[in-house]
PDB file of N, CA and C in Angstrom:
ATOM      1  N   MET A   1      23.184 -97.742-100.263  1.00  0.00           N
ATOM      2  CA  MET A   1      22.599 -97.133 -99.078  1.00  0.00           C
ATOM      3  C   MET A   1      21.238 -97.850 -98.946  1.00  0.00           C
ATOM      4  N   THR A   2      20.917 -97.901 -97.625  1.00  0.00           N
ATOM      5  CA  THR A   2      19.662 -98.532 -97.243  1.00  0.00           C
ATOM      6  C   THR A   2      18.678 -97.391 -96.859  1.00  0.00           C
ATOM      7  N   LEU A   3      17.545 -97.516 -97.281  1.00  0.00           N
ATOM      8  CA  LEU A   3      16.313 -96.676 -97.052  1.00  0.00           C
ATOM      9  C   LEU A   3      15.320 -97.430 -96.242  1.00  0.00           C
ATOM     10  N   GLU A   4      14.689 -96.876 -95.300  1.00  0.00           N
ATOM     11  CA  GLU A   4      13.566 -97.356 -94.580  1.00  0.00           C
ATOM     12  C   GLU A   4      12.340 -96.588 -95.069  1.00  0.00           C
ATOM     13  N   ILE A   5      11.276 -97.344 -95.677  1.00  0.00           N
ATOM     14  CA  ILE A   5      10.091 -96.735 -95.969  1.00  0.00           C
ATOM     15  C   ILE A   5       8.863 -97.820 -95.544  1.00  0.00           C
ATOM     16  N   GLY A   6       8.173 -97.086 -94.675  1.00  0.00           N
ATOM     17  CA  GLY A   6       6.959 -97.889 -94.335  1.00  0.00           C
ATOM     18  C   GLY A   6       7.279 -99.047 -93.375  1.00  0.00           C
ATOM     19  N   GLY A   7       8.518 -98.878 -92.845  1.00  0.00           N
ATOM     20  CA  GLY A   7       8.898 -99.913 -91.795  1.00  0.00           C
ATOM     21  C   GLY A   7       9.695-101.044 -92.553  1.00  0.00           C
ATOM     22  N   ALA A   8       9.749-100.968 -93.959  1.00  0.00           N
ATOM     23  CA  ALA A   8      10.744-101.985 -94.609  1.00  0.00           C
ATOM     24  C   ALA A   8      11.884-101.333 -94.869  1.00  0.00           C
ATOM     25  N   LYS A   9      12.981-102.116 -95.014  1.00  0.00           N
ATOM     26  CA  LYS A   9      14.389-101.644 -95.424  1.00  0.00           C
ATOM     27  C   LYS A   9      14.546-101.985 -96.829  1.00  0.00           C
ATOM     28  N   PHE A  10      15.067-101.013 -97.646  1.00  0.00           N
ATOM     29  CA  PHE A  10      15.421-101.213 -99.071  1.00  0.00           C
ATOM     30  C   PHE A  10      16.862-100.986 -99.448  1.00  0.00           C
ATOM     31  N   LYS A  11      17.542-101.716 -99.880  1.00  0.00           N
ATOM     32  CA  LYS A  11      19.028-101.498-100.207  1.00  0.00           C
ATOM     33  C   LYS A  11      18.814-100.877-101.652  1.00  0.00           C
ATOM     34  N   ILE A  12      19.332 -99.644-101.790  1.00  0.00           N
ATOM     35  CA  ILE A  12      19.084 -98.869-103.089  1.00  0.00           C
ATOM     36  C   ILE A  12      20.562 -98.669-103.572  1.00  0.00           C
ATOM     37  N   VAL A  13      20.881 -99.050-104.924  1.00  0.00           N
ATOM     38  CA  VAL A  13      22.189 -98.647-105.571  1.00  0.00           C
ATOM     39  C   VAL A  13      21.536 -97.620-106.623  1.00  0.00           C
ATOM     40  N   SER A  14      22.184 -96.393-106.342  1.00  0.00           N
ATOM     41  CA  SER A  14      21.813 -95.388-107.424  1.00  0.00           C
ATOM     42  C   SER A  14      22.957 -94.307-107.406  1.00  0.00           C
ATOM     43  N   ASP A  15      22.976 -93.559-108.582  1.00  0.00           N
ATOM     44  CA  ASP A  15      23.867 -92.491-108.713  1.00  0.00           C
ATOM     45  C   ASP A  15      23.192 -91.035-107.975  1.00  0.00           C
ATOM     46  N   ALA A  16      21.936 -91.370-107.699  1.00  0.00           N
ATOM     47  CA  ALA A  16      21.328 -90.083-107.186  1.00  0.00           C
ATOM     48  C   ALA A  16      21.910 -89.756-105.744  1.00  0.00           C
ATOM     49  N   ASP A  17      21.799 -88.463-105.443  1.00  0.00           N
ATOM     50  CA  ASP A  17      22.375 -87.898-104.048  1.00  0.00           C
ATOM     51  C   ASP A  17      21.751 -88.605-102.913  1.00  0.00           C
ATOM     52  N   GLN A  18      22.486 -89.355-102.044  1.00  0.00           N
ATOM     53  CA  GLN A  18      21.965 -90.095-100.913  1.00  0.00           C
ATOM     54  C   GLN A  18      21.074 -89.225 -99.923  1.00  0.00           C
ATOM     55  N   THR A  19      21.384 -87.957 -99.740  1.00  0.00           N
ATOM     56  CA  THR A  19      20.638 -87.126 -99.019  1.00  0.00           C
ATOM     57  C   THR A  19      19.162 -86.744 -99.488  1.00  0.00           C
ATOM     58  N   HIS A  20      19.192 -86.668-100.837  1.00  0.00           N
ATOM     59  CA  HIS A  20      17.892 -86.476-101.748  1.00  0.00           C
ATOM     60  C   HIS A  20      16.898 -87.652-101.612  1.00  0.00           C
ATOM     61  N   LEU A  21      17.686 -88.871-101.658  1.00  0.00           N
ATOM     62  CA  LEU A  21      16.742 -90.069-101.564  1.00  0.00           C
ATOM     63  C   LEU A  21      16.180 -90.149-100.240  1.00  0.00           C
ATOM     64  N   ALA A  22      17.175 -89.974 -99.068  1.00  0.00           N
ATOM     65  CA  ALA A  22      16.686 -89.957 -97.905  1.00  0.00           C
ATOM     66  C   ALA A  22      15.441 -88.970 -97.565  1.00  0.00           C
ATOM     67  N   ASP A  23      15.823 -87.950 -98.109  1.00  0.00           N
ATOM     68  CA  ASP A  23      14.702 -86.741 -97.841  1.00  0.00           C
ATOM     69  C   ASP A  23      13.242 -87.287 -98.677  1.00  0.00           C
ATOM     70  N   LEU A  24      13.435 -88.010 -99.783  1.00  0.00           N
ATOM     71  CA  LEU A  24      12.169 -88.496-100.497  1.00  0.00           C
ATOM     72  C   LEU A  24      11.410 -89.615 -99.466  1.00  0.00           C
ATOM     73  N   ALA A  25      12.366 -90.297 -99.100  1.00  0.00           N
ATOM     74  CA  ALA A  25      11.942 -91.490 -98.127  1.00  0.00           C
ATOM     75  C   ALA A  25      11.152 -90.841 -96.929  1.00  0.00           C
ATOM     76  N   GLY A  26      11.717 -89.822 -96.549  1.00  0.00           N
ATOM     77  CA  GLY A  26      11.143 -89.121 -95.322  1.00  0.00           C
ATOM     78  C   GLY A  26       9.775 -88.459 -95.516  1.00  0.00           C
ATOM     79  N   ILE A  27       9.608 -87.980 -96.891  1.00  0.00           N
ATOM     80  CA  ILE A  27       8.391 -87.703 -97.240  1.00  0.00           C
ATOM     81  C   ILE A  27       7.167 -88.666 -97.280  1.00  0.00           C
ATOM     82  N   VAL A  28       7.598 -89.778 -97.919  1.00  0.00           N
ATOM     83  CA  VAL A  28       6.772 -90.977 -97.883  1.00  0.00           C
ATOM     84  C   VAL A  28       6.316 -91.388 -96.528  1.00  0.00           C
ATOM     85  N   ASN A  29       7.397 -91.510 -95.816  1.00  0.00           N
ATOM     86  CA  ASN A  29       7.206 -91.916 -94.126  1.00  0.00           C
ATOM     87  C   ASN A  29       6.213 -91.121 -93.542  1.00  0.00           C
ATOM     88  N   GLU A  30       6.515 -89.675 -93.893  1.00  0.00           N
ATOM     89  CA  GLU A  30       5.698 -88.704 -93.060  1.00  0.00           C
ATOM     90  C   GLU A  30       4.171 -88.934 -93.568  1.00  0.00           C
ATOM     91  N   ARG A  31       4.112 -89.021 -94.834  1.00  0.00           N
ATOM     92  CA  ARG A  31       2.505 -89.123 -95.226  1.00  0.00           C
ATOM     93  C   ARG A  31       1.860 -90.557 -94.696  1.00  0.00           C
ATOM     94  N   MET A  32       2.847 -91.649 -94.614  1.00  0.00           N
ATOM     95  CA  MET A  32       2.129 -92.860 -94.070  1.00  0.00           C
ATOM     96  C   MET A  32       1.933 -92.689 -92.626  1.00  0.00           C
ATOM     97  N   GLN A  33       2.645 -91.961 -91.656  1.00  0.00           N
ATOM     98  CA  GLN A  33       2.376 -91.693 -90.426  1.00  0.00           C
ATOM     99  C   GLN A  33       0.948 -90.883 -90.198  1.00  0.00           C
ATOM    100  N   LYS A  34       0.837 -89.775 -91.237  1.00  0.00           N
ATOM    101  CA  LYS A  34      -0.234 -89.064 -91.103  1.00  0.00           C
ATOM    102  C   LYS A  34      -1.423 -89.910 -91.352  1.00  0.00           C
ATOM    103  N   LEU A  35      -1.432 -90.654 -92.334  1.00  0.00           N
ATOM    104  CA  LEU A  35      -2.572 -91.621 -92.621  1.00  0.00           C
ATOM    105  C   LEU A  35      -2.960 -92.494 -91.474  1.00  0.00           C
ATOM    106  N   THR A  36      -1.874 -93.010 -90.779  1.00  0.00           N
ATOM    107  CA  THR A  36      -2.168 -93.987 -89.707  1.00  0.00           C
ATOM    108  C   THR A  36      -2.785 -93.140 -88.606  1.00  0.00           C
ATOM    109  N   ALA A  37      -2.236 -91.905 -88.287  1.00  0.00           N
ATOM    110  CA  ALA A  37      -2.840 -90.996 -87.314  1.00  0.00           C
ATOM    111  C   ALA A  37      -4.314 -90.593 -87.545  1.00  0.00           C
ATOM    112  N   ALA A  38      -4.514 -90.614 -88.875  1.00  0.00           N
ATOM    113  CA  ALA A  38      -6.016 -90.149 -89.365  1.00  0.00           C
ATOM    114  C   ALA A  38      -6.855 -91.162 -89.369  1.00  0.00           C
ATOM    115  N   GLY A  39      -6.477 -92.483 -88.935  1.00  0.00           N
ATOM    116  CA  GLY A  39      -7.634 -93.607 -88.750  1.00  0.00           C
ATOM    117  C   GLY A  39      -7.268 -94.744 -89.763  1.00  0.00           C
ATOM    118  N   ALA A  40      -6.237 -94.716 -90.308  1.00  0.00           N
ATOM    119  CA  ALA A  40      -5.827 -95.755 -91.311  1.00  0.00           C
ATOM    120  C   ALA A  40      -5.086 -96.964 -90.599  1.00  0.00           C
ATOM    121  N   ARG A  41      -5.313 -97.016 -89.151  1.00  0.00           N
ATOM    122  CA  ARG A  41      -4.345 -98.182 -88.511  1.00  0.00           C
ATOM    123  C   ARG A  41      -4.637 -99.503 -88.810  1.00  0.00           C
ATOM    124  N   SER A  42      -5.775 -99.714 -89.419  1.00  0.00           N
ATOM    125  CA  SER A  42      -5.992-101.081 -89.773  1.00  0.00           C
ATOM    126  C   SER A  42      -5.409-101.468 -91.143  1.00  0.00           C
ATOM    127  N   ALA A  43      -4.901-100.463 -91.829  1.00  0.00           N
ATOM    128  CA  ALA A  43      -4.462-100.598 -93.252  1.00  0.00           C
ATOM    129  C   ALA A  43      -3.085-101.192 -93.246  1.00  0.00           C
ATOM    130  N   SER A  44      -2.781-102.044 -94.217  1.00  0.00           N
ATOM    131  CA  SER A  44      -1.569-102.681 -94.212  1.00  0.00           C
ATOM    132  C   SER A  44      -0.433-101.778 -94.707  1.00  0.00           C
ATOM    133  N   SER A  45       0.877-101.981 -94.689  1.00  0.00           N
ATOM    134  CA  SER A  45       1.955-101.170 -95.212  1.00  0.00           C
ATOM    135  C   SER A  45       1.687-100.883 -96.620  1.00  0.00           C
ATOM    136  N   ALA A  46       1.210-102.073 -97.445  1.00  0.00           N
ATOM    137  CA  ALA A  46       1.235-101.959 -98.929  1.00  0.00           C
ATOM    138  C   ALA A  46       0.042-101.111 -99.236  1.00  0.00           C
ATOM    139  N   GLN A  47      -0.937-101.092 -98.348  1.00  0.00           N
ATOM    140  CA  GLN A  47      -2.156-100.228 -98.594  1.00  0.00           C
ATOM    141  C   GLN A  47      -1.819 -98.718 -98.449  1.00  0.00           C
ATOM    142  N   LEU A  48      -0.930 -98.474 -97.233  1.00  0.00           N
ATOM    143  CA  LEU A  48      -0.664 -97.206 -97.087  1.00  0.00           C
ATOM    144  C   LEU A  48       0.308 -96.659 -98.071  1.00  0.00           C
ATOM    145  N   LEU A  49       1.154 -97.389 -98.386  1.00  0.00           N
ATOM    146  CA  LEU A  49       2.069 -97.165 -99.623  1.00  0.00           C
ATOM    147  C   LEU A  49       1.295 -96.705-100.863  1.00  0.00           C
ATOM    148  N   ALA A  50       0.239 -97.560-101.232  1.00  0.00           N
ATOM    149  CA  ALA A  50      -0.595 -97.187-102.395  1.00  0.00           C
ATOM    150  C   ALA A  50      -1.281 -95.940-102.245  1.00  0.00           C
ATOM    151  N   LEU A  51      -1.887 -95.800-101.002  1.00  0.00           N
ATOM    152  CA  LEU A  51      -2.490 -94.433-100.772  1.00  0.00           C
ATOM    153  C   LEU A  51      -1.588 -93.180-100.878  1.00  0.00           C
ATOM    154  N   VAL A  52      -0.431 -93.398-100.376  1.00  0.00           N
ATOM    155  CA  VAL A  52       0.471 -92.301-100.528  1.00  0.00           C
ATOM    156  C   VAL A  52       1.076 -92.091-101.968  1.00  0.00           C
ATOM    157  N   SER A  53       1.213 -93.124-102.597  1.00  0.00           N
ATOM    158  CA  SER A  53       1.560 -93.137-104.062  1.00  0.00           C
ATOM    159  C   SER A  53       0.448 -92.412-104.870  1.00  0.00           C
ATOM    160  N   LEU A  54      -0.679 -92.863-104.659  1.00  0.00           N
ATOM    161  CA  LEU A  54      -1.910 -91.940-105.274  1.00  0.00           C
ATOM    162  C   LEU A  54      -1.842 -90.343-105.005  1.00  0.00           C
ATOM    163  N   GLY A  55      -1.672 -90.119-103.700  1.00  0.00           N
ATOM    164  CA  GLY A  55      -1.693 -88.857-103.201  1.00  0.00           C
ATOM    165  C   GLY A  55      -0.614 -88.196-103.972  1.00  0.00           C
ATOM    166  N   LEU A  56       0.642 -88.596-103.990  1.00  0.00           N
ATOM    167  CA  LEU A  56       1.690 -87.915-104.636  1.00  0.00           C
ATOM    168  C   LEU A  56       1.603 -87.692-106.081  1.00  0.00           C
ATOM    169  N   ALA A  57       0.971 -89.077-106.726  1.00  0.00           N
ATOM    170  CA  ALA A  57       0.844 -88.892-108.220  1.00  0.00           C
ATOM    171  C   ALA A  57      -0.266 -87.812-108.425  1.00  0.00           C
ATOM    172  N   ASP A  58      -1.318 -87.626-107.674  1.00  0.00           N
ATOM    173  CA  ASP A  58      -2.215 -86.552-107.864  1.00  0.00           C
ATOM    174  C   ASP A  58      -1.607 -85.100-107.656  1.00  0.00           C
ATOM    175  N   GLU A  59      -0.964 -85.041-106.735  1.00  0.00           N
ATOM    176  CA  GLU A  59      -0.105 -83.779-106.590  1.00  0.00           C
ATOM    177  C   GLU A  59       0.618 -83.291-107.699  1.00  0.00           C
ATOM    178  N   LEU A  60       1.341 -84.417-108.336  1.00  0.00           N
ATOM    179  CA  LEU A  60       2.322 -84.172-109.355  1.00  0.00           C
ATOM    180  C   LEU A  60       1.506 -83.733-110.487  1.00  0.00           C
ATOM    181  N   LYS A  61       0.234 -84.471-110.880  1.00  0.00           N
ATOM    182  CA  LYS A  61      -0.537 -84.058-111.909  1.00  0.00           C
ATOM    183  C   LYS A  61      -1.041 -82.807-111.868  1.00  0.00           C
ATOM    184  N   ALA A  62      -1.548 -82.326-110.655  1.00  0.00           N
ATOM    185  CA  ALA A  62      -1.992 -80.899-110.470  1.00  0.00           C
ATOM    186  C   ALA A  62      -0.740 -79.897-110.640  1.00  0.00           C
ATOM    187  N   ALA A  63       0.540 -80.232-110.109  1.00  0.00           N
ATOM    188  CA  ALA A  63       1.469 -79.331-110.398  1.00  0.00           C
ATOM    189  C   ALA A  63       1.784 -79.064-111.782  1.00  0.00           C
ATOM    190  N   LYS A  64       1.673 -80.245-112.531  1.00  0.00           N
ATOM    191  CA  LYS A  64       2.032 -80.125-113.984  1.00  0.00           C
ATOM    192  C   LYS A  64       0.865 -79.404-114.668  1.00  0.00           C
ATOM    193  N   HIS A  65      -0.284 -79.329-114.256  1.00  0.00           N
ATOM    194  CA  HIS A  65      -1.303 -78.626-114.832  1.00  0.00           C
ATOM    195  C   HIS A  65      -1.200 -77.181-114.642  1.00  0.00           C
ATOM    196  N   LYS A  66      -0.826 -76.917-113.390  1.00  0.00           N
ATOM    197  CA  LYS A  66      -0.731 -75.424-112.982  1.00  0.00           C
ATOM    198  C   LYS A  66       0.595 -74.911-113.686  1.00  0.00           C
ATOM    199  N   LEU A  67       1.680 -75.588-113.842  1.00  0.00           N
ATOM    200  CA  LEU A  67       2.735 -75.181-114.707  1.00  0.00           C
ATOM    201  C   LEU A  67       2.361 -75.025-116.214  1.00  0.00           C
ATOM    202  N   SER A  68       1.725 -75.912-116.881  1.00  0.00           N
ATOM    203  CA  SER A  68       1.188 -75.768-118.102  1.00  0.00           C
ATOM    204  C   SER A  68       0.367 -74.574-118.341  1.00  0.00           C
ATOM    205  N   GLU A  69      -0.530 -74.283-117.275  1.00  0.00           N
ATOM    206  CA  GLU A  69      -1.307 -73.106-117.331  1.00  0.00           C
ATOM    207  C   GLU A  69      -0.573 -71.765-117.206  1.00  0.00           C
ATOM    208  N   ALA A  70       0.416 -71.818-116.357  1.00  0.00           N
ATOM    209  CA  ALA A  70       1.349 -70.604-116.164  1.00  0.00           C
ATOM    210  C   ALA A  70       2.080 -70.339-117.334  1.00  0.00           C
ATOM    211  N   ASP A  71       2.516 -71.324-118.093  1.00  0.00           N
ATOM    212  CA  ASP A  71       3.352 -71.383-119.243  1.00  0.00           C
ATOM    213  C   ASP A  71       2.238 -70.779-120.295  1.00  0.00           C
ATOM    214  N   ARG A  72       1.248 -71.188-120.478  1.00  0.00           N
ATOM    215  CA  ARG A  72       0.301 -70.653-121.322  1.00  0.00           C
ATOM    216  C   ARG A  72      -0.052 -69.274-121.301  1.00  0.00           C
ATOM    217  N   ILE A  73      -0.159 -68.862-119.910  1.00  0.00           N
ATOM    218  CA  ILE A  73      -0.427 -67.457-119.560  1.00  0.00           C
ATOM    219  C   ILE A  73       0.743 -66.606-120.040  1.00  0.00           C
ATOM    220  N   SER A  74       1.835 -67.145-119.653  1.00  0.00           N
ATOM    221  CA  SER A  74       3.036 -66.388-120.009  1.00  0.00           C
ATOM    222  C   SER A  74       3.277 -66.097-121.423  1.00  0.00           C
ATOM    223  N   ARG A  75       3.094 -67.260-122.110  1.00  0.00           N
ATOM    224  CA  ARG A  75       3.442 -67.160-123.700  1.00  0.00           C
ATOM    225  C   ARG A  75       2.370 -66.126-124.236  1.00  0.00           C
ATOM    226  N   THR A  76       1.043 -66.128-123.811  1.00  0.00           N
ATOM    227  CA  THR A  76       0.208 -65.332-124.226  1.00  0.00           C
ATOM    228  C   THR A  76       0.449 -63.778-124.068  1.00  0.00           C
ATOM    229  N   ALA A  77       0.944 -63.490-122.649  1.00  0.00           N
ATOM    230  CA  ALA A  77       1.368 -62.157-122.322  1.00  0.00           C
ATOM    231  C   ALA A  77       2.449 -61.729-123.059  1.00  0.00           C
ATOM    232  N   ILE A  78       3.337 -62.524-123.324  1.00  0.00           N
ATOM    233  CA  ILE A  78       4.676 -62.138-124.214  1.00  0.00           C
ATOM    234  C   ILE A  78       4.254 -61.898-125.460  1.00  0.00           C
ATOM    235  N   ALA A  79       3.305 -62.735-126.179  1.00  0.00           N
ATOM    236  CA  ALA A  79       2.955 -62.572-127.669  1.00  0.00           C
ATOM    237  C   ALA A  79       2.244 -61.078-127.706  1.00  0.00           C
ATOM    238  N   ASN A  80       1.192 -60.742-126.789  1.00  0.00           N
ATOM    239  CA  ASN A  80       0.526 -59.693-126.548  1.00  0.00           C
ATOM    240  C   ASN A  80       1.515 -58.320-126.508  1.00  0.00           C
ATOM    241  N   ALA A  81       2.438 -58.546-125.508  1.00  0.00           N
ATOM    242  CA  ALA A  81       3.478 -57.507-125.523  1.00  0.00           C
ATOM    243  C   ALA A  81       4.200 -57.191-126.829  1.00  0.00           C
ATOM    244  N   ILE A  82       4.712 -58.295-127.316  1.00  0.00           N
ATOM    245  CA  ILE A  82       5.478 -58.136-128.675  1.00  0.00           C
ATOM    246  C   ILE A  82       4.653 -57.403-129.814  1.00  0.00           C
ATOM    247  N   ALA A  83       3.290 -57.770-129.934  1.00  0.00           N
ATOM    248  CA  ALA A  83       2.317 -57.331-130.823  1.00  0.00           C
ATOM    249  C   ALA A  83       2.227 -55.858-130.664  1.00  0.00           C
ATOM    250  N   ARG A  84       2.049 -55.399-129.281  1.00  0.00           N
ATOM    251  CA  ARG A  84       2.009 -53.824-128.941  1.00  0.00           C
ATOM    252  C   ARG A  84       3.262 -53.215-129.419  1.00  0.00           C
ATOM    253  N   ILE A  85       4.372 -53.932-128.993  1.00  0.00           N
ATOM    254  CA  ILE A  85       5.595 -53.185-129.416  1.00  0.00           C
ATOM    255  C   ILE A  85       5.697 -52.998-131.030  1.00  0.00           C
ATOM    256  N   ASP A  86       5.458 -54.123-131.713  1.00  0.00           N
ATOM    257  CA  ASP A  86       5.446 -54.027-133.085  1.00  0.00           C
ATOM    258  C   ASP A  86       4.438 -53.079-133.635  1.00  0.00           C
ATOM    259  N   GLU A  87       3.310 -52.730-133.094  1.00  0.00           N
ATOM    260  CA  GLU A  87       2.473 -51.795-133.549  1.00  0.00           C
ATOM    261  C   GLU A  87       3.025 -50.398-133.298  1.00  0.00           C
ATOM    262  N   GLN A  88       3.582 -50.135-132.072  1.00  0.00           N
ATOM    263  CA  GLN A  88       4.099 -48.927-131.802  1.00  0.00           C
ATOM    264  C   GLN A  88       5.202 -48.675-132.682  1.00  0.00           C
ATOM    265  N   LEU A  89       6.186 -49.656-133.116  1.00  0.00           N
ATOM    266  CA  LEU A  89       7.340 -49.359-133.925  1.00  0.00           C
ATOM    267  C   LEU A  89       6.752 -49.018-135.287  1.00  0.00           C
ATOM    268  N   ALA A  90       5.780 -49.603-135.622  1.00  0.00           N
ATOM    269  CA  ALA A  90       5.005 -49.368-137.052  1.00  0.00           C
ATOM    270  C   ALA A  90       4.609 -47.906-137.037  1.00  0.00           C
ATOM    271  N   VAL A  91       3.870 -47.470-136.149  1.00  0.00           N
ATOM    272  CA  VAL A  91       3.323 -46.034-135.829  1.00  0.00           C
ATOM    273  C   VAL A  91       4.517 -45.065-135.835  1.00  0.00           C
ATOM    274  N   ASP A  92       5.528 -45.338-135.189  1.00  0.00           N
ATOM    275  CA  ASP A  92       6.674 -44.620-135.105  1.00  0.00           C
ATOM    276  C   ASP A  92       7.424 -44.383-136.391  1.00  0.00           C
ATOM    277  N   ALA A  93       7.557 -45.416-137.107  1.00  0.00           N
ATOM    278  CA  ALA A  93       8.180 -45.491-138.560  1.00  0.00           C
ATOM    279  C   ALA A  93       7.421 -44.604-139.513  1.00  0.00           C
ATOM    280  N   ALA A  94       6.054 -44.795-139.418  1.00  0.00           N
ATOM    281  CA  ALA A  94       5.202 -44.023-140.275  1.00  0.00           C
ATOM    282  C   ALA A  94       5.263 -42.429-139.892  1.00  0.00           C
ATOM    283  N   ARG A  95       5.507 -42.002-138.902  1.00  0.00           N
ATOM    284  CA  ARG A  95       5.642 -40.666-138.392  1.00  0.00           C
ATOM    285  C   ARG A  95       6.785 -39.987-138.833  1.00  0.00           C
ATOM    286  N   PRO A  96       6.518 -38.768-139.522  1.00  0.00           N
ATOM    287  CA  PRO A  96       7.891 -38.091-139.976  1.00  0.00           C
ATOM    288  C   PRO A  96       8.713 -37.658-138.806  1.00  0.00           C
ATOM    289  N   SER A  97       9.991 -37.723-139.130  1.00  0.00           N
ATOM    290  CA  SER A  97      11.051 -37.331-138.053  1.00  0.00           C
ATOM    291  C   SER A  97      10.864 -35.780-138.051  1.00  0.00           C
ATOM    292  N   ASP A  98      11.582 -35.259-136.876  1.00  0.00           N
ATOM    293  CA  ASP A  98      11.612 -33.722-136.889  1.00  0.00           C
ATOM    294  C   ASP A  98      12.431 -33.023-137.813  1.00  0.00           C
ATOM    295  N   GLY A  99      13.490 -33.737-138.283  1.00  0.00           N
ATOM    296  CA  GLY A  99      14.482 -33.107-139.118  1.00  0.00           C
ATOM    297  C   GLY A  99      13.766 -32.969-140.696  1.00  0.00           C
ATOM    298  N   GLU A 100      12.646 -33.884-140.934  1.00  0.00           N
ATOM    299  CA  GLU A 100      12.303 -33.932-142.315  1.00  0.00           C
ATOM    300  C   GLU A 100      11.222 -32.680-142.630  1.00  0.00           C
ATOM    301  N   SER A 101      11.213 -32.332-143.905  1.00  0.00           N
ATOM    302  CA  SER A 101      10.144 -31.282-144.196  1.00  0.00           C
ATOM    303  C   SER A 101       9.062 -31.919-145.011  1.00  0.00           C
TER     304      SER A 101
END
């Protein structure tokens, strides 16, 4: 398949879904267009691609941090819930049942 990114055509040989690759190329092209519209008209295609790459890498890093934080919070909440359940089970086990004298 051939993808156009930043005005350059790239022949790609991949097992990846072609629609997915085209969507990814579209994201890169869209961001390049936004940079150009924002005043980066004098930047070369390579400079625009570098800026887009840095922006995407920054977003990926931030998303990984958010995921890690969400994982930490979830694990803490689950551990706390298990501890409360264990405490309640211990209390219930120590309490005499209704049929005992």
